[in-house]
All heavy atoms as atom14 arrays in JSON, in Angstrom:
{
  "sequence": "LAAMQDEVPASVRAHYEALPHRADQCIGCRSCETRCPFGVKVAER",
  "atom14_mask": [
    [1, 1, 1, 1, 1, 1, 1, 1, 0, 0, 0, 0, 0, 0],
    [1, 1, 1, 1, 1, 0, 0, 0, 0, 0, 0, 0, 0, 0],
    [1, 1, 1, 1, 1, 0, 0, 0, 0, 0, 0, 0, 0, 0],
    [1, 1, 1, 1, 1, 1, 1, 1, 0, 0, 0, 0, 0, 0],
    [1, 1, 1, 1, 1, 1, 1, 1, 1, 0, 0, 0, 0, 0],
    [1, 1, 1, 1, 1, 1, 1, 1, 0, 0, 0, 0, 0, 0],
    [1, 1, 1, 1, 1, 1, 1, 1, 1, 0, 0, 0, 0, 0],
    [1, 1, 1, 1, 1, 1, 1, 0, 0, 0, 0, 0, 0, 0],
    [1, 1, 1, 1, 1, 1, 1, 0, 0, 0, 0, 0, 0, 0],
    [1, 1, 1, 1, 1, 0, 0, 0, 0, 0, 0, 0, 0, 0],
    [1, 1, 1, 1, 1, 1, 0, 0, 0, 0, 0, 0, 0, 0],
    [1, 1, 1, 1, 1, 1, 1, 0, 0, 0, 0, 0, 0, 0],
    [1, 1, 1, 1, 1, 1, 1, 1, 1, 1, 1, 0, 0, 0],
    [1, 1, 1, 1, 1, 0, 0, 0, 0, 0, 0, 0, 0, 0],
    [1, 1, 1, 1, 1, 1, 1, 1, 1, 1, 0, 0, 0, 0],
    [1, 1, 1, 1, 1, 1, 1, 1, 1, 1, 1, 1, 0, 0],
    [1, 1, 1, 1, 1, 1, 1, 1, 1, 0, 0, 0, 0, 0],
    [1, 1, 1, 1, 1, 0, 0, 0, 0, 0, 0, 0, 0, 0],
    [1, 1, 1, 1, 1, 1, 1, 1, 0, 0, 0, 0, 0, 0],
    [1, 1, 1, 1, 1, 1, 1, 0, 0, 0, 0, 0, 0, 0],
    [1, 1, 1, 1, 1, 1, 1, 1, 1, 1, 0, 0, 0, 0],
    [1, 1, 1, 1, 1, 1, 1, 1, 1, 1, 1, 0, 0, 0],
    [1, 1, 1, 1, 1, 0, 0, 0, 0, 0, 0, 0, 0, 0],
    [1, 1, 1, 1, 1, 1, 1, 1, 0, 0, 0, 0, 0, 0],
    [1, 1, 1, 1, 1, 1, 1, 1, 1, 0, 0, 0, 0, 0],
    [1, 1, 1, 1, 1, 1, 0, 0, 0, 0, 0, 0, 0, 0],
    [1, 1, 1, 1, 1, 1, 1, 1, 0, 0, 0, 0, 0, 0],
    [1, 1, 1, 1, 0, 0, 0, 0, 0, 0, 0, 0, 0, 0],
    [1, 1, 1, 1, 1, 1, 0, 0, 0, 0, 0, 0, 0, 0],
    [1, 1, 1, 1, 1, 1, 1, 1, 1, 1, 1, 0, 0, 0],
    [1, 1, 1, 1, 1, 1, 0, 0, 0, 0, 0, 0, 0, 0],
    [1, 1, 1, 1, 1, 1, 0, 0, 0, 0, 0, 0, 0, 0],
    [1, 1, 1, 1, 1, 1, 1, 1, 1, 0, 0, 0, 0, 0],
    [1, 1, 1, 1, 1, 1, 1, 0, 0, 0, 0, 0, 0, 0],
    [1, 1, 1, 1, 1, 1, 1, 1, 1, 1, 1, 0, 0, 0],
    [1, 1, 1, 1, 1, 1, 0, 0, 0, 0, 0, 0, 0, 0],
    [1, 1, 1, 1, 1, 1, 1, 0, 0, 0, 0, 0, 0, 0],
    [1, 1, 1, 1, 1, 1, 1, 1, 1, 1, 1, 0, 0, 0],
    [1, 1, 1, 1, 0, 0, 0, 0, 0, 0, 0, 0, 0, 0],
    [1, 1, 1, 1, 1, 1, 1, 0, 0, 0, 0, 0, 0, 0],
    [1, 1, 1, 1, 1, 1, 1, 1, 1, 0, 0, 0, 0, 0],
    [1, 1, 1, 1, 1, 1, 1, 0, 0, 0, 0, 0, 0, 0],
    [1, 1, 1, 1, 1, 0, 0, 0, 0, 0, 0, 0, 0, 0],
    [1, 1, 1, 1, 1, 1, 1, 1, 1, 0, 0, 0, 0, 0],
    [1, 1, 1, 1, 1, 1, 1, 1, 1, 1, 1, 0, 0, 0]
  ],
  "atom14_positions": [
    [[106.7, -108.2, 267.37], [106.1, -106.85, 267.26], [105.82, -106.23, 268.59], [106.11, -105.01, 268.81], [104.76, -106.99, 266.49], [104.88, -107.36, 265.0], [103.51, -107.6, 264.44], [105.59, -106.19, 264.26], [0.0, 0.0, 0.0], [0.0, 0.0, 0.0], [0.0, 0.0, 0.0], [0.0, 0.0, 0.0], [0.0, 0.0, 0.0], [0.0, 0.0, 0.0]],
    [[105.39, -107.01, 269.56], [105.09, -106.5, 270.89], [106.36, -106.18, 271.66], [106.41, -105.17, 272.37], [104.24, -107.49, 271.67], [0.0, 0.0, 0.0], [0.0, 0.0, 0.0], [0.0, 0.0, 0.0], [0.0, 0.0, 0.0], [0.0, 0.0, 0.0], [0.0, 0.0, 0.0], [0.0, 0.0, 0.0], [0.0, 0.0, 0.0], [0.0, 0.0, 0.0]],
    [[107.39, -106.98, 271.55], [108.59, -106.82, 272.3], [109.35, -105.55, 271.9], [110.26, -105.1, 272.63], [109.49, -108.05, 272.21], [0.0, 0.0, 0.0], [0.0, 0.0, 0.0], [0.0, 0.0, 0.0], [0.0, 0.0, 0.0], [0.0, 0.0, 0.0], [0.0, 0.0, 0.0], [0.0, 0.0, 0.0], [0.0, 0.0, 0.0], [0.0, 0.0, 0.0]],
    [[109.08, -105.06, 270.7], [109.8, -103.89, 270.22], [109.27, -102.62, 270.9], [109.94, -101.56, 270.84], [109.56, -103.74, 268.74], [110.27, -104.83, 267.85], [109.69, -104.82, 266.15], [110.07, -103.11, 265.67], [0.0, 0.0, 0.0], [0.0, 0.0, 0.0], [0.0, 0.0, 0.0], [0.0, 0.0, 0.0], [0.0, 0.0, 0.0], [0.0, 0.0, 0.0]],
    [[108.19, -102.66, 271.6], [107.55, -101.47, 272.2], [107.68, -101.56, 273.74], [107.81, -102.58, 274.32], [106.02, -101.42, 271.8], [105.79, -101.63, 270.33], [106.32, -100.48, 269.49], [106.36, -99.36, 269.91], [106.79, -100.8, 268.28], [0.0, 0.0, 0.0], [0.0, 0.0, 0.0], [0.0, 0.0, 0.0], [0.0, 0.0, 0.0], [0.0, 0.0, 0.0]],
    [[107.65, -100.32, 274.32], [107.66, -100.24, 275.76], [106.32, -100.93, 276.36], [106.41, -101.52, 277.46], [107.69, -98.8, 276.24], [109.05, -98.16, 275.88], [110.0, -98.91, 275.76], [109.1, -96.96, 275.71], [0.0, 0.0, 0.0], [0.0, 0.0, 0.0], [0.0, 0.0, 0.0], [0.0, 0.0, 0.0], [0.0, 0.0, 0.0], [0.0, 0.0, 0.0]],
    [[105.29, -100.77, 275.67], [103.99, -101.42, 276.07], [103.46, -102.16, 274.91], [103.67, -101.73, 273.74], [102.96, -100.4, 276.55], [103.41, -99.64, 277.81], [102.28, -98.69, 278.28], [101.18, -98.69, 277.74], [102.55, -97.96, 279.32], [0.0, 0.0, 0.0], [0.0, 0.0, 0.0], [0.0, 0.0, 0.0], [0.0, 0.0, 0.0], [0.0, 0.0, 0.0]],
    [[102.74, -103.23, 275.15], [102.13, -104.02, 274.03], [101.13, -103.13, 273.35], [100.13, -102.69, 273.96], [101.52, -105.29, 274.55], [100.87, -106.06, 273.39], [102.52, -106.15, 275.19], [0.0, 0.0, 0.0], [0.0, 0.0, 0.0], [0.0, 0.0, 0.0], [0.0, 0.0, 0.0], [0.0, 0.0, 0.0], [0.0, 0.0, 0.0], [0.0, 0.0, 0.0]],
    [[101.25, -102.85, 272.05], [100.28, -102.06, 271.35], [98.86, -102.74, 271.34], [98.77, -104.01, 271.3], [100.81, -102.0, 269.95], [102.3, -102.25, 270.03], [102.41, -103.22, 271.18], [0.0, 0.0, 0.0], [0.0, 0.0, 0.0], [0.0, 0.0, 0.0], [0.0, 0.0, 0.0], [0.0, 0.0, 0.0], [0.0, 0.0, 0.0], [0.0, 0.0, 0.0]],
    [[97.87, -101.98, 271.4], [96.52, -102.48, 271.53], [96.17, -103.36, 270.29], [95.54, -104.42, 270.43], [95.48, -101.38, 271.7], [0.0, 0.0, 0.0], [0.0, 0.0, 0.0], [0.0, 0.0, 0.0], [0.0, 0.0, 0.0], [0.0, 0.0, 0.0], [0.0, 0.0, 0.0], [0.0, 0.0, 0.0], [0.0, 0.0, 0.0], [0.0, 0.0, 0.0]],
    [[96.63, -102.92, 269.12], [96.3, -103.68, 267.9], [96.97, -105.0, 267.93], [96.38, -106.02, 267.49], [96.78, -102.87, 266.67], [98.14, -102.64, 266.7], [0.0, 0.0, 0.0], [0.0, 0.0, 0.0], [0.0, 0.0, 0.0], [0.0, 0.0, 0.0], [0.0, 0.0, 0.0], [0.0, 0.0, 0.0], [0.0, 0.0, 0.0], [0.0, 0.0, 0.0]],
    [[98.2, -105.08, 268.46], [98.93, -106.36, 268.48], [98.29, -107.27, 269.52], [98.11, -108.48, 269.28], [100.45, -106.11, 268.87], [101.18, -107.49, 269.02], [101.12, -105.28, 267.79], [0.0, 0.0, 0.0], [0.0, 0.0, 0.0], [0.0, 0.0, 0.0], [0.0, 0.0, 0.0], [0.0, 0.0, 0.0], [0.0, 0.0, 0.0], [0.0, 0.0, 0.0]],
    [[97.87, -106.71, 270.64], [97.21, -107.48, 271.65], [95.91, -108.01, 271.15], [95.58, -109.21, 271.35], [96.98, -106.63, 272.94], [96.28, -107.42, 274.04], [96.06, -106.57, 275.28], [97.35, -106.22, 275.86], [98.07, -107.0, 276.64], [97.62, -108.29, 276.93], [99.23, -106.67, 277.13], [0.0, 0.0, 0.0], [0.0, 0.0, 0.0], [0.0, 0.0, 0.0]],
    [[95.16, -107.25, 270.36], [93.89, -107.67, 269.83], [94.11, -108.82, 268.87], [93.33, -109.8, 268.9], [93.21, -106.56, 269.11], [0.0, 0.0, 0.0], [0.0, 0.0, 0.0], [0.0, 0.0, 0.0], [0.0, 0.0, 0.0], [0.0, 0.0, 0.0], [0.0, 0.0, 0.0], [0.0, 0.0, 0.0], [0.0, 0.0, 0.0], [0.0, 0.0, 0.0]],
    [[95.16, -108.77, 268.03], [95.43, -109.9, 267.09], [95.85, -111.12, 267.88], [95.45, -112.21, 267.52], [96.52, -109.49, 266.11], [96.06, -108.62, 265.01], [96.21, -107.27, 264.94], [95.44, -108.98, 263.81], [95.77, -106.8, 263.82], [95.23, -107.82, 263.15], [0.0, 0.0, 0.0], [0.0, 0.0, 0.0], [0.0, 0.0, 0.0], [0.0, 0.0, 0.0]],
    [[96.65, -110.97, 268.93], [97.03, -112.09, 269.7], [95.84, -112.78, 270.38], [95.65, -113.99, 270.39], [98.06, -111.66, 270.78], [98.46, -112.75, 271.68], [99.46, -113.73, 271.2], [98.01, -112.94, 272.95], [99.89, -114.75, 272.01], [98.42, -113.97, 273.77], [99.34, -114.85, 273.29], [99.72, -115.92, 274.07], [0.0, 0.0, 0.0], [0.0, 0.0, 0.0]],
    [[94.97, -111.95, 270.95], [93.85, -112.49, 271.75], [92.8, -113.15, 270.81], [92.01, -113.97, 271.25], [93.21, -111.42, 272.58], [94.17, -110.96, 273.7], [93.55, -109.83, 274.56], [92.5, -109.18, 274.14], [94.13, -109.49, 275.61], [0.0, 0.0, 0.0], [0.0, 0.0, 0.0], [0.0, 0.0, 0.0], [0.0, 0.0, 0.0], [0.0, 0.0, 0.0]],
    [[92.87, -112.73, 269.52], [91.98, -113.36, 268.59], [92.41, -114.73, 268.07], [91.64, -115.43, 267.42], [91.78, -112.45, 267.38], [0.0, 0.0, 0.0], [0.0, 0.0, 0.0], [0.0, 0.0, 0.0], [0.0, 0.0, 0.0], [0.0, 0.0, 0.0], [0.0, 0.0, 0.0], [0.0, 0.0, 0.0], [0.0, 0.0, 0.0], [0.0, 0.0, 0.0]],
    [[93.67, -115.07, 268.35], [94.16, -116.42, 267.96], [93.37, -117.51, 268.67], [93.16, -117.43, 269.89], [95.66, -116.52, 268.24], [96.6, -115.6, 267.52], [98.02, -115.77, 268.04], [96.56, -115.91, 266.05], [0.0, 0.0, 0.0], [0.0, 0.0, 0.0], [0.0, 0.0, 0.0], [0.0, 0.0, 0.0], [0.0, 0.0, 0.0], [0.0, 0.0, 0.0]],
    [[93.02, -118.57, 268.0], [92.2, -119.64, 268.65], [93.04, -120.4, 269.69], [92.48, -120.98, 270.59], [91.79, -120.57, 267.47], [92.76, -120.25, 266.4], [93.11, -118.78, 266.53], [0.0, 0.0, 0.0], [0.0, 0.0, 0.0], [0.0, 0.0, 0.0], [0.0, 0.0, 0.0], [0.0, 0.0, 0.0], [0.0, 0.0, 0.0], [0.0, 0.0, 0.0]],
    [[94.37, -120.4, 269.49], [95.24, -121.14, 270.45], [96.46, -120.25, 270.63], [97.2, -119.92, 269.71], [95.7, -122.48, 269.88], [94.5, -123.37, 269.51], [93.87, -124.1, 270.49], [93.9, -123.61, 268.32], [92.9, -124.81, 269.89], [92.92, -124.51, 268.58], [0.0, 0.0, 0.0], [0.0, 0.0, 0.0], [0.0, 0.0, 0.0], [0.0, 0.0, 0.0]],
    [[96.74, -119.94, 271.93], [97.79, -119.0, 272.26], [98.93, -119.68, 273.02], [98.94, -120.88, 273.26], [97.18, -117.83, 273.14], [96.14, -117.06, 272.36], [95.66, -115.82, 273.06], [94.77, -116.17, 274.17], [93.43, -116.33, 274.07], [92.89, -116.2, 272.92], [92.69, -116.66, 275.11], [0.0, 0.0, 0.0], [0.0, 0.0, 0.0], [0.0, 0.0, 0.0]],
    [[99.96, -118.79, 273.25], [101.29, -119.34, 273.77], [101.11, -120.09, 275.08], [101.9, -121.04, 275.38], [102.27, -118.24, 273.88], [0.0, 0.0, 0.0], [0.0, 0.0, 0.0], [0.0, 0.0, 0.0], [0.0, 0.0, 0.0], [0.0, 0.0, 0.0], [0.0, 0.0, 0.0], [0.0, 0.0, 0.0], [0.0, 0.0, 0.0], [0.0, 0.0, 0.0]],
    [[100.18, -119.7, 275.91], [100.02, -120.33, 277.22], [99.53, -121.75, 277.14], [99.48, -122.47, 278.12], [99.14, -119.47, 278.17], [97.81, -119.3, 277.63], [97.53, -119.59, 276.49], [96.9, -118.76, 278.41], [0.0, 0.0, 0.0], [0.0, 0.0, 0.0], [0.0, 0.0, 0.0], [0.0, 0.0, 0.0], [0.0, 0.0, 0.0], [0.0, 0.0, 0.0]],
    [[99.11, -122.2, 275.91], [98.67, -123.55, 275.73], [99.84, -124.46, 275.39], [99.61, -125.68, 275.24], [97.62, -123.64, 274.73], [96.27, -122.93, 275.09], [95.23, -122.99, 273.98], [95.04, -122.03, 273.26], [94.55, -124.1, 273.83], [0.0, 0.0, 0.0], [0.0, 0.0, 0.0], [0.0, 0.0, 0.0], [0.0, 0.0, 0.0], [0.0, 0.0, 0.0]],
    [[101.02, -123.88, 275.14], [102.19, -124.79, 274.79], [102.47, -125.75, 275.94], [102.51, -125.39, 277.09], [103.37, -123.87, 274.58], [104.9, -124.72, 274.31], [0.0, 0.0, 0.0], [0.0, 0.0, 0.0], [0.0, 0.0, 0.0], [0.0, 0.0, 0.0], [0.0, 0.0, 0.0], [0.0, 0.0, 0.0], [0.0, 0.0, 0.0], [0.0, 0.0, 0.0]],
    [[102.63, -127.02, 275.59], [102.89, -128.06, 276.6], [104.44, -128.36, 276.68], [104.8, -129.28, 277.45], [102.12, -129.33, 276.27], [102.48, -129.86, 274.9], [100.63, -129.04, 276.36], [101.87, -131.21, 274.53], [0.0, 0.0, 0.0], [0.0, 0.0, 0.0], [0.0, 0.0, 0.0], [0.0, 0.0, 0.0], [0.0, 0.0, 0.0], [0.0, 0.0, 0.0]],
    [[105.27, -127.66, 275.93], [106.68, -127.75, 276.03], [107.19, -129.13, 275.46], [108.28, -129.59, 275.89], [0.0, 0.0, 0.0], [0.0, 0.0, 0.0], [0.0, 0.0, 0.0], [0.0, 0.0, 0.0], [0.0, 0.0, 0.0], [0.0, 0.0, 0.0], [0.0, 0.0, 0.0], [0.0, 0.0, 0.0], [0.0, 0.0, 0.0], [0.0, 0.0, 0.0]],
    [[106.5, -129.67, 274.5], [106.95, -130.92, 273.96], [108.24, -130.8, 273.07], [109.0, -131.73, 272.85], [105.87, -131.64, 273.19], [105.43, -130.78, 271.59], [0.0, 0.0, 0.0], [0.0, 0.0, 0.0], [0.0, 0.0, 0.0], [0.0, 0.0, 0.0], [0.0, 0.0, 0.0], [0.0, 0.0, 0.0], [0.0, 0.0, 0.0], [0.0, 0.0, 0.0]],
    [[108.44, -129.57, 272.52], [109.57, -129.21, 271.69], [109.67, -130.0, 270.4], [110.73, -129.92, 269.7], [110.9, -129.37, 272.52], [110.94, -128.55, 273.77], [112.33, -128.7, 274.47], [112.28, -127.99, 275.79], [112.61, -126.66, 275.89], [112.92, -125.98, 274.81], [112.63, -126.1, 277.08], [0.0, 0.0, 0.0], [0.0, 0.0, 0.0], [0.0, 0.0, 0.0]],
    [[108.6, -130.63, 269.94], [108.63, -131.28, 268.64], [108.87, -130.28, 267.53], [109.5, -130.56, 266.52], [107.36, -132.15, 268.41], [106.24, -131.27, 268.4], [0.0, 0.0, 0.0], [0.0, 0.0, 0.0], [0.0, 0.0, 0.0], [0.0, 0.0, 0.0], [0.0, 0.0, 0.0], [0.0, 0.0, 0.0], [0.0, 0.0, 0.0], [0.0, 0.0, 0.0]],
    [[108.29, -129.01, 267.74], [108.46, -128.03, 266.76], [109.97, -127.63, 266.59], [110.41, -127.34, 265.43], [107.69, -126.77, 267.14], [107.99, -126.22, 268.86], [0.0, 0.0, 0.0], [0.0, 0.0, 0.0], [0.0, 0.0, 0.0], [0.0, 0.0, 0.0], [0.0, 0.0, 0.0], [0.0, 0.0, 0.0], [0.0, 0.0, 0.0], [0.0, 0.0, 0.0]],
    [[110.71, -127.71, 267.63], [112.09, -127.32, 267.63], [112.93, -128.23, 266.7], [113.92, -127.83, 266.14], [112.68, -127.27, 269.02], [112.03, -126.21, 269.88], [112.64, -126.04, 271.27], [113.58, -126.83, 271.59], [112.06, -125.23, 272.03], [0.0, 0.0, 0.0], [0.0, 0.0, 0.0], [0.0, 0.0, 0.0], [0.0, 0.0, 0.0], [0.0, 0.0, 0.0]],
    [[112.5, -129.52, 266.67], [113.26, -130.48, 265.83], [113.01, -130.17, 264.34], [113.84, -130.61, 263.49], [112.77, -131.92, 266.08], [111.41, -132.09, 265.66], [112.94, -132.23, 267.6], [0.0, 0.0, 0.0], [0.0, 0.0, 0.0], [0.0, 0.0, 0.0], [0.0, 0.0, 0.0], [0.0, 0.0, 0.0], [0.0, 0.0, 0.0], [0.0, 0.0, 0.0]],
    [[111.98, -129.45, 264.02], [111.65, -129.12, 262.59], [112.13, -127.76, 262.24], [112.12, -127.36, 261.07], [110.18, -129.24, 262.35], [109.66, -130.7, 262.45], [108.22, -130.78, 262.02], [107.38, -130.13, 262.97], [106.84, -130.78, 264.08], [107.15, -131.99, 264.32], [106.07, -130.09, 264.89], [0.0, 0.0, 0.0], [0.0, 0.0, 0.0], [0.0, 0.0, 0.0]],
    [[112.51, -126.88, 263.17], [112.88, -125.53, 262.9], [114.24, -125.48, 262.2], [115.25, -125.95, 262.72], [112.93, -124.74, 264.12], [113.47, -123.01, 263.83], [0.0, 0.0, 0.0], [0.0, 0.0, 0.0], [0.0, 0.0, 0.0], [0.0, 0.0, 0.0], [0.0, 0.0, 0.0], [0.0, 0.0, 0.0], [0.0, 0.0, 0.0], [0.0, 0.0, 0.0]],
    [[114.26, -124.93, 260.95], [115.6, -124.87, 260.26], [116.55, -123.97, 260.85], [117.73, -123.95, 260.5], [115.18, -124.46, 258.87], [113.86, -123.8, 258.92], [113.2, -124.41, 260.14], [0.0, 0.0, 0.0], [0.0, 0.0, 0.0], [0.0, 0.0, 0.0], [0.0, 0.0, 0.0], [0.0, 0.0, 0.0], [0.0, 0.0, 0.0], [0.0, 0.0, 0.0]],
    [[116.12, -123.08, 261.78], [116.95, -122.0, 262.3], [117.33, -122.19, 263.79], [117.93, -121.27, 264.38], [116.31, -120.63, 262.09], [115.98, -120.47, 260.59], [114.63, -120.23, 260.27], [116.93, -120.43, 259.65], [114.31, -120.05, 258.95], [116.59, -120.28, 258.34], [115.25, -120.06, 257.95], [0.0, 0.0, 0.0], [0.0, 0.0, 0.0], [0.0, 0.0, 0.0]],
    [[116.96, -123.27, 264.39], [117.3, -123.55, 265.76], [116.63, -122.68, 266.79], [117.23, -122.39, 267.88], [0.0, 0.0, 0.0], [0.0, 0.0, 0.0], [0.0, 0.0, 0.0], [0.0, 0.0, 0.0], [0.0, 0.0, 0.0], [0.0, 0.0, 0.0], [0.0, 0.0, 0.0], [0.0, 0.0, 0.0], [0.0, 0.0, 0.0], [0.0, 0.0, 0.0]],
    [[115.44, -122.25, 266.49], [114.74, -121.33, 267.43], [114.27, -122.17, 268.63], [113.79, -123.27, 268.51], [113.51, -120.75, 266.74], [112.67, -119.9, 267.73], [113.95, -119.85, 265.56], [0.0, 0.0, 0.0], [0.0, 0.0, 0.0], [0.0, 0.0, 0.0], [0.0, 0.0, 0.0], [0.0, 0.0, 0.0], [0.0, 0.0, 0.0], [0.0, 0.0, 0.0]],
    [[114.5, -121.62, 269.85], [114.11, -122.25, 271.1], [112.58, -121.89, 271.28], [112.22, -121.0, 272.0], [114.9, -121.8, 272.25], [116.39, -122.06, 272.04], [116.64, -123.57, 271.92], [118.18, -123.76, 271.85], [118.47, -125.25, 271.57], [0.0, 0.0, 0.0], [0.0, 0.0, 0.0], [0.0, 0.0, 0.0], [0.0, 0.0, 0.0], [0.0, 0.0, 0.0]],
    [[111.74, -122.61, 270.61], [110.33, -122.25, 270.51], [109.66, -122.32, 271.85], [108.9, -121.4, 272.25], [109.55, -123.18, 269.52], [108.11, -122.8, 269.51], [110.16, -123.05, 268.09], [0.0, 0.0, 0.0], [0.0, 0.0, 0.0], [0.0, 0.0, 0.0], [0.0, 0.0, 0.0], [0.0, 0.0, 0.0], [0.0, 0.0, 0.0], [0.0, 0.0, 0.0]],
    [[109.87, -123.33, 272.61], [109.23, -123.45, 273.98], [109.54, -122.26, 274.82], [108.66, -121.75, 275.56], [109.58, -124.75, 274.63], [0.0, 0.0, 0.0], [0.0, 0.0, 0.0], [0.0, 0.0, 0.0], [0.0, 0.0, 0.0], [0.0, 0.0, 0.0], [0.0, 0.0, 0.0], [0.0, 0.0, 0.0], [0.0, 0.0, 0.0], [0.0, 0.0, 0.0]],
    [[110.79, -121.78, 274.84], [111.17, -120.67, 275.6], [110.44, -119.36, 275.13], [110.02, -118.62, 275.96], [112.68, -120.44, 275.57], [113.46, -121.58, 276.23], [114.97, -121.39, 276.07], [115.39, -120.24, 275.68], [115.69, -122.34, 276.29], [0.0, 0.0, 0.0], [0.0, 0.0, 0.0], [0.0, 0.0, 0.0], [0.0, 0.0, 0.0], [0.0, 0.0, 0.0]],
    [[110.35, -119.3, 273.79], [109.66, -118.1, 273.31], [108.17, -118.14, 273.63], [107.55, -117.11, 273.85], [109.82, -118.03, 271.75], [111.23, -117.54, 271.36], [111.39, -117.54, 269.85], [110.48, -116.6, 269.22], [110.8, -115.37, 268.93], [111.99, -114.83, 269.26], [109.95, -114.51, 268.3], [0.0, 0.0, 0.0], [0.0, 0.0, 0.0], [0.0, 0.0, 0.0]]
  ]
}
């Protein structure tokens, strides 16, 4: 949702900041990628 806009919308930022655990906490273990049925490179995202 954020990447579609020139600037991150305030509402999207607010929802993101309200998450108890955010992307910067990712440790890059990539275990999620082994379970993704669509081959998403989760750690990169």
